[in-house]
């Protein structure tokens, strides 16, 4: 049974989400502002946070940014009433693992929660250490390093890096990565582009001229082992 914290200043939405999560077998509670959420997570970190973008006081982006600094592996799903791609990308860039746009289906949100939690649990299972040049991913420890120094990766970034490292030299389409890495059969493919860009910033010597995670024009991405 997973503990989920819902942070949304719309109590009607929060109550509906909590109800659906509890019927799906999770324990869930909600808070209505960002500062309370930060304090609650510091005292007792949940297994996942469902976080609204527009919050009073400390907004959702800043909450996500601070949580990422203190708990880089904590799964975060962002809720946003803003339909613009730039707003969704902003959430991913500060470390959200997924996003759902309002108005949304509570059943879809529960499926997203289950998917993120399932991938997080899989990363905790014993598995070989993957290596590509200076980069190593220890999936059992849920840790990636570069030249022995640990990288601050989100759950979704670690999933993506481990998948590519497990299939060196293979070019994957964006929709294939969404399906194989994160279990999505639908969604905006810009999600993949954002995560690749953020991942390159952490693993490449020069993110503007990547040598490890290469773009295959007209296809998608491929990991090249040095």
C-alpha atoms as a PDB file:
ATOM      1  CA  UNK A   1       0.000   0.000   0.000  1.00  0.00           C
ATOM      2  CA  UNK A   2       1.554   3.266  -1.162  1.00  0.00           C
ATOM      3  CA  UNK A   3       1.207   6.625   0.546  1.00  0.00           C
ATOM      4  CA  UNK A   4       0.255   9.454  -1.818  1.00  0.00           C
ATOM      5  CA  UNK A   5       0.173  13.145  -0.927  1.00  0.00           C
ATOM      6  CA  UNK A   6      -2.164  15.304  -3.034  1.00  0.00           C
ATOM      7  CA  UNK A   7      -1.436  19.045  -3.019  1.00  0.00           C
ATOM      8  CA  UNK A   8      -4.222  21.148  -4.568  1.00  0.00           C
ATOM      9  CA  UNK A   9      -5.953  24.290  -3.342  1.00  0.00           C
ATOM     10  CA  UNK A  10      -9.221  23.151  -4.950  1.00  0.00           C
ATOM     11  CA  UNK A  11     -10.601  20.969  -2.156  1.00  0.00           C
ATOM     12  CA  UNK A  12     -13.285  19.484  -4.404  1.00  0.00           C
ATOM     13  CA  UNK A  13     -10.658  18.219  -6.862  1.00  0.00           C
ATOM     14  CA  UNK A  14      -8.405  17.055  -4.025  1.00  0.00           C
ATOM     15  CA  UNK A  15     -11.214  15.087  -2.362  1.00  0.00           C
ATOM     16  CA  UNK A  16     -12.132  13.375  -5.627  1.00  0.00           C
ATOM     17  CA  UNK A  17      -8.497  12.429  -6.320  1.00  0.00           C
ATOM     18  CA  UNK A  18      -8.008  11.112  -2.767  1.00  0.00           C
ATOM     19  CA  UNK A  19     -11.180   9.047  -3.077  1.00  0.00           C
ATOM     20  CA  UNK A  20     -10.104   7.435  -6.340  1.00  0.00           C
ATOM     21  CA  UNK A  21      -6.615   6.723  -4.995  1.00  0.00           C
ATOM     22  CA  UNK A  22      -8.004   5.071  -1.878  1.00  0.00           C
ATOM     23  CA  UNK A  23     -10.390   2.921  -3.927  1.00  0.00           C
ATOM     24  CA  UNK A  24      -7.353   1.833  -5.963  1.00  0.00           C
ATOM     25  CA  UNK A  25      -5.676   0.570  -2.785  1.00  0.00           C
ATOM     26  CA  UNK A  26      -3.457   3.523  -1.841  1.00  0.00           C
ATOM     27  CA  UNK A  27      -3.511   5.611   1.313  1.00  0.00           C
ATOM     28  CA  UNK A  28      -3.911   9.260   0.424  1.00  0.00           C
ATOM     29  CA  UNK A  29      -4.373  12.659   2.000  1.00  0.00           C
ATOM     30  CA  UNK A  30      -4.379  16.200   0.706  1.00  0.00           C
ATOM     31  CA  UNK A  31      -3.016  19.627   1.576  1.00  0.00           C
ATOM     32  CA  UNK A  32      -3.994  22.934   0.017  1.00  0.00           C
ATOM     33  CA  UNK A  33      -0.788  24.988  -0.098  1.00  0.00           C
ATOM     34  CA  UNK A  34       2.845  24.560  -1.050  1.00  0.00           C
ATOM     35  CA  UNK A  35       4.454  25.467   2.272  1.00  0.00           C
ATOM     36  CA  UNK A  36       2.370  22.896   4.151  1.00  0.00           C
ATOM     37  CA  UNK A  37       3.349  20.296   1.569  1.00  0.00           C
ATOM     38  CA  UNK A  38       7.059  20.989   2.005  1.00  0.00           C
ATOM     39  CA  UNK A  39       6.749  20.734   5.788  1.00  0.00           C
ATOM     40  CA  UNK A  40       4.719  17.517   5.591  1.00  0.00           C
ATOM     41  CA  UNK A  41       7.169  15.817   3.235  1.00  0.00           C
ATOM     42  CA  UNK A  42      10.095  16.833   5.446  1.00  0.00           C
ATOM     43  CA  UNK A  43       8.429  15.138   8.425  1.00  0.00           C
ATOM     44  CA  UNK A  44       7.182  11.998   6.656  1.00  0.00           C
ATOM     45  CA  UNK A  45       7.997  11.545   2.981  1.00  0.00           C
ATOM     46  CA  UNK A  46       5.217   9.835   0.984  1.00  0.00           C
ATOM     47  CA  UNK A  47       5.791   7.359  -1.831  1.00  0.00           C
ATOM     48  CA  UNK A  48       4.504   9.854  -4.423  1.00  0.00           C
ATOM     49  CA  UNK A  49       3.264  13.449  -4.612  1.00  0.00           C
ATOM     50  CA  UNK A  50       0.451  14.682  -6.859  1.00  0.00           C
ATOM     51  CA  UNK A  51       1.208  18.400  -7.091  1.00  0.00           C
ATOM     52  CA  UNK A  52      -0.920  21.199  -8.547  1.00  0.00           C
ATOM     53  CA  UNK A  53       0.990  23.854 -10.468  1.00  0.00           C
ATOM     54  CA  UNK A  54      -1.080  26.824  -9.257  1.00  0.00           C
ATOM     55  CA  UNK A  55      -0.865  26.990  -5.457  1.00  0.00           C
ATOM     56  CA  UNK A  56      -1.148  29.914  -3.036  1.00  0.00           C
ATOM     57  CA  UNK A  57       2.121  31.129  -1.521  1.00  0.00           C
ATOM     58  CA  UNK A  58       4.812  28.738  -2.735  1.00  0.00           C
ATOM     59  CA  UNK A  59       3.649  27.606  -6.167  1.00  0.00           C
ATOM     60  CA  UNK A  60       3.893  24.088  -7.549  1.00  0.00           C
ATOM     61  CA  UNK A  61       7.025  24.696  -9.610  1.00  0.00           C
ATOM     62  CA  UNK A  62       8.937  25.959  -6.586  1.00  0.00           C
ATOM     63  CA  UNK A  63       7.642  23.103  -4.419  1.00  0.00           C
ATOM     64  CA  UNK A  64       8.815  20.615  -7.040  1.00  0.00           C
ATOM     65  CA  UNK A  65      12.185  22.338  -7.310  1.00  0.00           C
ATOM     66  CA  UNK A  66      12.758  22.184  -3.539  1.00  0.00           C
ATOM     67  CA  UNK A  67      11.597  18.569  -3.260  1.00  0.00           C
ATOM     68  CA  UNK A  68      13.983  17.577  -6.029  1.00  0.00           C
ATOM     69  CA  UNK A  69      16.902  19.089  -4.104  1.00  0.00           C
ATOM     70  CA  UNK A  70      16.078  17.240  -0.875  1.00  0.00           C
ATOM     71  CA  UNK A  71      14.528  14.017  -2.275  1.00  0.00           C
ATOM     72  CA  UNK A  72      15.729  13.476  -5.849  1.00  0.00           C
ATOM     73  CA  UNK A  73      14.058  10.037  -6.091  1.00  0.00           C
ATOM     74  CA  UNK A  74      10.602  11.098  -4.862  1.00  0.00           C
ATOM     75  CA  UNK A  75       8.096  10.555  -7.709  1.00  0.00           C
ATOM     76  CA  UNK A  76       6.115  13.706  -8.525  1.00  0.00           C
ATOM     77  CA  UNK A  77       3.115  14.028 -10.852  1.00  0.00           C
ATOM     78  CA  UNK A  78       2.216  17.608 -11.735  1.00  0.00           C
ATOM     79  CA  UNK A  79      -1.367  18.787 -12.198  1.00  0.00           C
ATOM     80  CA  UNK A  80      -1.782  21.828 -14.402  1.00  0.00           C
ATOM     81  CA  UNK A  81      -4.773  23.766 -15.652  1.00  0.00           C
ATOM     82  CA  UNK A  82      -2.511  25.415 -18.209  1.00  0.00           C
ATOM     83  CA  UNK A  83      -2.706  23.792 -21.621  1.00  0.00           C
ATOM     84  CA  UNK A  84       0.302  25.497 -23.190  1.00  0.00           C
ATOM     85  CA  UNK A  85       3.207  23.167 -23.982  1.00  0.00           C
ATOM     86  CA  UNK A  86       5.644  25.618 -22.371  1.00  0.00           C
ATOM     87  CA  UNK A  87       3.846  25.336 -19.040  1.00  0.00           C
ATOM     88  CA  UNK A  88       3.870  21.538 -19.124  1.00  0.00           C
ATOM     89  CA  UNK A  89       7.541  21.529 -20.087  1.00  0.00           C
ATOM     90  CA  UNK A  90       8.330  23.914 -17.221  1.00  0.00           C
ATOM     91  CA  UNK A  91       7.066  21.294 -14.769  1.00  0.00           C
ATOM     92  CA  UNK A  92       9.205  18.592 -16.337  1.00  0.00           C
ATOM     93  CA  UNK A  93      12.259  20.822 -16.342  1.00  0.00           C
ATOM     94  CA  UNK A  94      12.102  21.351 -12.574  1.00  0.00           C
ATOM     95  CA  UNK A  95      11.878  17.609 -12.026  1.00  0.00           C
ATOM     96  CA  UNK A  96       8.276  16.396 -12.338  1.00  0.00           C
ATOM     97  CA  UNK A  97       8.124  12.762 -13.453  1.00  0.00           C
ATOM     98  CA  UNK A  98       4.772  13.130 -15.177  1.00  0.00           C
ATOM     99  CA  UNK A  99       2.009  15.671 -15.713  1.00  0.00           C
ATOM    100  CA  UNK A 100      -1.758  15.617 -16.136  1.00  0.00           C
ATOM    101  CA  UNK A 101      -3.672  18.549 -17.604  1.00  0.00           C
ATOM    102  CA  UNK A 102      -6.903  19.740 -16.002  1.00  0.00           C
ATOM    103  CA  UNK A 103      -9.710  18.890 -16.534  1.00  0.00           C
ATOM    104  CA  UNK A 104      -8.621  15.281 -16.231  1.00  0.00           C
ATOM    105  CA  UNK A 105     -10.106  11.859 -15.650  1.00  0.00           C
ATOM    106  CA  UNK A 106      -9.437  10.699 -12.067  1.00  0.00           C
ATOM    107  CA  UNK A 107      -9.123   7.152 -13.413  1.00  0.00           C
ATOM    108  CA  UNK A 108      -6.367   8.299 -15.785  1.00  0.00           C
ATOM    109  CA  UNK A 109      -4.547   9.986 -12.908  1.00  0.00           C
ATOM    110  CA  UNK A 110      -4.723   6.775 -10.848  1.00  0.00           C
ATOM    111  CA  UNK A 111      -3.263   4.847 -13.805  1.00  0.00           C
ATOM    112  CA  UNK A 112      -0.432   7.384 -14.031  1.00  0.00           C
ATOM    113  CA  UNK A 113       0.211   7.058 -10.290  1.00  0.00           C
ATOM    114  CA  UNK A 114       0.299   3.253 -10.550  1.00  0.00           C
ATOM    115  CA  UNK A 115       2.649   3.420 -13.531  1.00  0.00           C
ATOM    116  CA  UNK A 116       5.123   5.772 -11.842  1.00  0.00           C
ATOM    117  CA  UNK A 117       5.080   3.747  -8.619  1.00  0.00           C
ATOM    118  CA  UNK A 118       5.568   0.492 -10.537  1.00  0.00           C
ATOM    119  CA  UNK A 119       8.625   1.843 -12.340  1.00  0.00           C
ATOM    120  CA  UNK A 120      10.002   3.178  -9.070  1.00  0.00           C
ATOM    121  CA  UNK A 121       9.602  -0.260  -7.459  1.00  0.00           C
ATOM    122  CA  UNK A 122      11.273  -1.973 -10.415  1.00  0.00           C
ATOM    123  CA  UNK A 123      14.299   0.272 -10.022  1.00  0.00           C
ATOM    124  CA  UNK A 124      14.721  -1.047  -6.473  1.00  0.00           C
ATOM    125  CA  UNK A 125      15.045  -4.665  -7.621  1.00  0.00           C
ATOM    126  CA  UNK A 126      18.538  -6.199  -7.791  1.00  0.00           C
ATOM    127  CA  UNK A 127      20.018  -5.838 -11.265  1.00  0.00           C
ATOM    128  CA  UNK A 128      23.433  -5.541 -12.897  1.00  0.00           C
ATOM    129  CA  UNK A 129      25.359  -2.316 -12.930  1.00  0.00           C
ATOM    130  CA  UNK A 130      25.168  -0.771 -16.398  1.00  0.00           C
ATOM    131  CA  UNK A 131      28.187   1.127 -17.740  1.00  0.00           C
ATOM    132  CA  UNK A 132      28.810   3.453 -20.661  1.00  0.00           C
ATOM    133  CA  UNK A 133      32.138   5.257 -20.549  1.00  0.00           C
ATOM    134  CA  UNK A 134      32.283   7.353 -17.373  1.00  0.00           C
ATOM    135  CA  UNK A 135      28.589   6.737 -16.634  1.00  0.00           C
ATOM    136  CA  UNK A 136      27.423   3.877 -14.415  1.00  0.00           C
ATOM    137  CA  UNK A 137      23.880   3.013 -13.328  1.00  0.00           C
ATOM    138  CA  UNK A 138      23.357   0.769 -10.320  1.00  0.00           C
ATOM    139  CA  UNK A 139      19.694  -0.122 -10.640  1.00  0.00           C
ATOM    140  CA  UNK A 140      19.569  -1.991  -7.333  1.00  0.00           C
ATOM    141  CA  UNK A 141      20.798   1.100  -5.491  1.00  0.00           C
ATOM    142  CA  UNK A 142      18.767   3.364  -7.810  1.00  0.00           C
ATOM    143  CA  UNK A 143      21.868   5.459  -8.380  1.00  0.00           C
ATOM    144  CA  UNK A 144      23.750   6.816 -11.372  1.00  0.00           C
ATOM    145  CA  UNK A 145      27.315   8.112 -11.227  1.00  0.00           C
ATOM    146  CA  UNK A 146      29.686   9.921 -13.522  1.00  0.00           C
ATOM    147  CA  UNK A 147      33.366   9.315 -12.812  1.00  0.00           C
ATOM    148  CA  UNK A 148      32.255   7.998  -9.423  1.00  0.00           C
ATOM    149  CA  UNK A 149      30.271  11.130  -8.523  1.00  0.00           C
ATOM    150  CA  UNK A 150      26.552  10.552  -7.976  1.00  0.00           C
ATOM    151  CA  UNK A 151      24.199  12.287 -10.410  1.00  0.00           C
ATOM    152  CA  UNK A 152      20.998  13.954  -9.208  1.00  0.00           C
ATOM    153  CA  UNK A 153      18.521  12.224 -11.523  1.00  0.00           C
ATOM    154  CA  UNK A 154      14.761  12.012 -11.217  1.00  0.00           C
ATOM    155  CA  UNK A 155      13.079   8.603 -11.297  1.00  0.00           C
ATOM    156  CA  UNK A 156      12.042   9.193 -14.909  1.00  0.00           C
ATOM    157  CA  UNK A 157      15.522  10.319 -15.970  1.00  0.00           C
ATOM    158  CA  UNK A 158      17.085   7.284 -14.319  1.00  0.00           C
ATOM    159  CA  UNK A 159      14.588   5.006 -16.073  1.00  0.00           C
ATOM    160  CA  UNK A 160      15.435   6.540 -19.425  1.00  0.00           C
ATOM    161  CA  UNK A 161      19.197   6.404 -18.919  1.00  0.00           C
ATOM    162  CA  UNK A 162      19.104   2.788 -17.731  1.00  0.00           C
ATOM    163  CA  UNK A 163      16.938   1.715 -20.672  1.00  0.00           C
ATOM    164  CA  UNK A 164      19.212   3.345 -23.235  1.00  0.00           C
ATOM    165  CA  UNK A 165      22.323   1.919 -21.551  1.00  0.00           C
ATOM    166  CA  UNK A 166      20.753  -1.546 -21.615  1.00  0.00           C
ATOM    167  CA  UNK A 167      20.301  -1.214 -25.407  1.00  0.00           C
ATOM    168  CA  UNK A 168      23.491   0.476 -26.676  1.00  0.00           C
ATOM    169  CA  UNK A 169      23.588   1.325 -30.365  1.00  0.00           C
ATOM    170  CA  UNK A 170      19.841   0.851 -30.866  1.00  0.00           C
ATOM    171  CA  UNK A 171      17.843   3.805 -32.205  1.00  0.00           C
ATOM    172  CA  UNK A 172      14.440   4.250 -30.569  1.00  0.00           C
ATOM    173  CA  UNK A 173      11.543   6.396 -31.714  1.00  0.00           C
ATOM    174  CA  UNK A 174      10.077   8.772 -29.172  1.00  0.00           C
ATOM    175  CA  UNK A 175       6.836   6.831 -29.018  1.00  0.00           C
ATOM    176  CA  UNK A 176       8.829   3.634 -28.407  1.00  0.00           C
ATOM    177  CA  UNK A 177      10.631   5.230 -25.477  1.00  0.00           C
ATOM    178  CA  UNK A 178       7.335   6.447 -24.019  1.00  0.00           C
ATOM    179  CA  UNK A 179       5.919   2.929 -24.231  1.00  0.00           C
ATOM    180  CA  UNK A 180       8.962   0.848 -23.277  1.00  0.00           C
ATOM    181  CA  UNK A 181      10.435   3.094 -20.564  1.00  0.00           C
ATOM    182  CA  UNK A 182       7.368   4.668 -18.964  1.00  0.00           C
ATOM    183  CA  UNK A 183       4.516   2.420 -20.051  1.00  0.00           C
ATOM    184  CA  UNK A 184       2.601   5.104 -21.955  1.00  0.00           C
ATOM    185  CA  UNK A 185       0.575   4.303 -25.044  1.00  0.00           C
ATOM    186  CA  UNK A 186      -0.528   7.924 -25.416  1.00  0.00           C
ATOM    187  CA  UNK A 187       0.740  11.390 -24.555  1.00  0.00           C
ATOM    188  CA  UNK A 188       2.810  14.286 -25.846  1.00  0.00           C
ATOM    189  CA  UNK A 189       6.105  13.119 -27.367  1.00  0.00           C
ATOM    190  CA  UNK A 190       7.710  16.404 -26.279  1.00  0.00           C
ATOM    191  CA  UNK A 191       7.949  14.719 -22.858  1.00  0.00           C
ATOM    192  CA  UNK A 192      10.732  12.522 -24.264  1.00  0.00           C
ATOM    193  CA  UNK A 193      12.507  15.516 -25.800  1.00  0.00           C
ATOM    194  CA  UNK A 194      12.458  17.376 -22.475  1.00  0.00           C
ATOM    195  CA  UNK A 195      13.835  14.434 -20.511  1.00  0.00           C
ATOM    196  CA  UNK A 196      16.567  13.766 -23.047  1.00  0.00           C
ATOM    197  CA  UNK A 197      17.627  17.418 -22.859  1.00  0.00           C
ATOM    198  CA  UNK A 198      17.689  17.391 -19.053  1.00  0.00           C
ATOM    199  CA  UNK A 199      19.545  14.077 -19.017  1.00  0.00           C
ATOM    200  CA  UNK A 200      22.179  15.368 -21.439  1.00  0.00           C
ATOM    201  CA  UNK A 201      22.805  18.324 -19.143  1.00  0.00           C
ATOM    202  CA  UNK A 202      23.828  15.846 -16.440  1.00  0.00           C
ATOM    203  CA  UNK A 203      25.746  13.161 -18.358  1.00  0.00           C
ATOM    204  CA  UNK A 204      27.364  14.901 -21.343  1.00  0.00           C
ATOM    205  CA  UNK A 205      30.620  16.878 -21.348  1.00  0.00           C
ATOM    206  CA  UNK A 206      28.982  19.297 -23.781  1.00  0.00           C
ATOM    207  CA  UNK A 207      25.172  18.991 -23.852  1.00  0.00           C
ATOM    208  CA  UNK A 208      25.033  21.068 -27.046  1.00  0.00           C
ATOM    209  CA  UNK A 209      27.258  18.502 -28.781  1.00  0.00           C
ATOM    210  CA  UNK A 210      26.220  15.187 -27.195  1.00  0.00           C
ATOM    211  CA  UNK A 211      28.449  12.158 -27.665  1.00  0.00           C
ATOM    212  CA  UNK A 212      26.606   9.653 -25.446  1.00  0.00           C
ATOM    213  CA  UNK A 213      22.892  10.207 -26.134  1.00  0.00           C
ATOM    214  CA  UNK A 214      22.726  11.017 -29.816  1.00  0.00           C
ATOM    215  CA  UNK A 215      19.836  12.261 -31.917  1.00  0.00           C
ATOM    216  CA  UNK A 216      18.988  10.053 -34.881  1.00  0.00           C
ATOM    217  CA  UNK A 217      17.295  12.481 -37.234  1.00  0.00           C
ATOM    218  CA  UNK A 218      13.890  11.352 -38.397  1.00  0.00           C
ATOM    219  CA  UNK A 219      13.868   8.547 -35.831  1.00  0.00           C
ATOM    220  CA  UNK A 220      14.617   9.467 -32.212  1.00  0.00           C
ATOM    221  CA  UNK A 221      17.585   8.733 -29.940  1.00  0.00           C
ATOM    222  CA  UNK A 222      20.421   6.244 -29.597  1.00  0.00           C
ATOM    223  CA  UNK A 223      23.032   5.687 -26.889  1.00  0.00           C
ATOM    224  CA  UNK A 224      26.579   5.326 -28.184  1.00  0.00           C
ATOM    225  CA  UNK A 225      29.113   3.665 -25.910  1.00  0.00           C
ATOM    226  CA  UNK A 226      32.495   5.477 -26.078  1.00  0.00           C
END
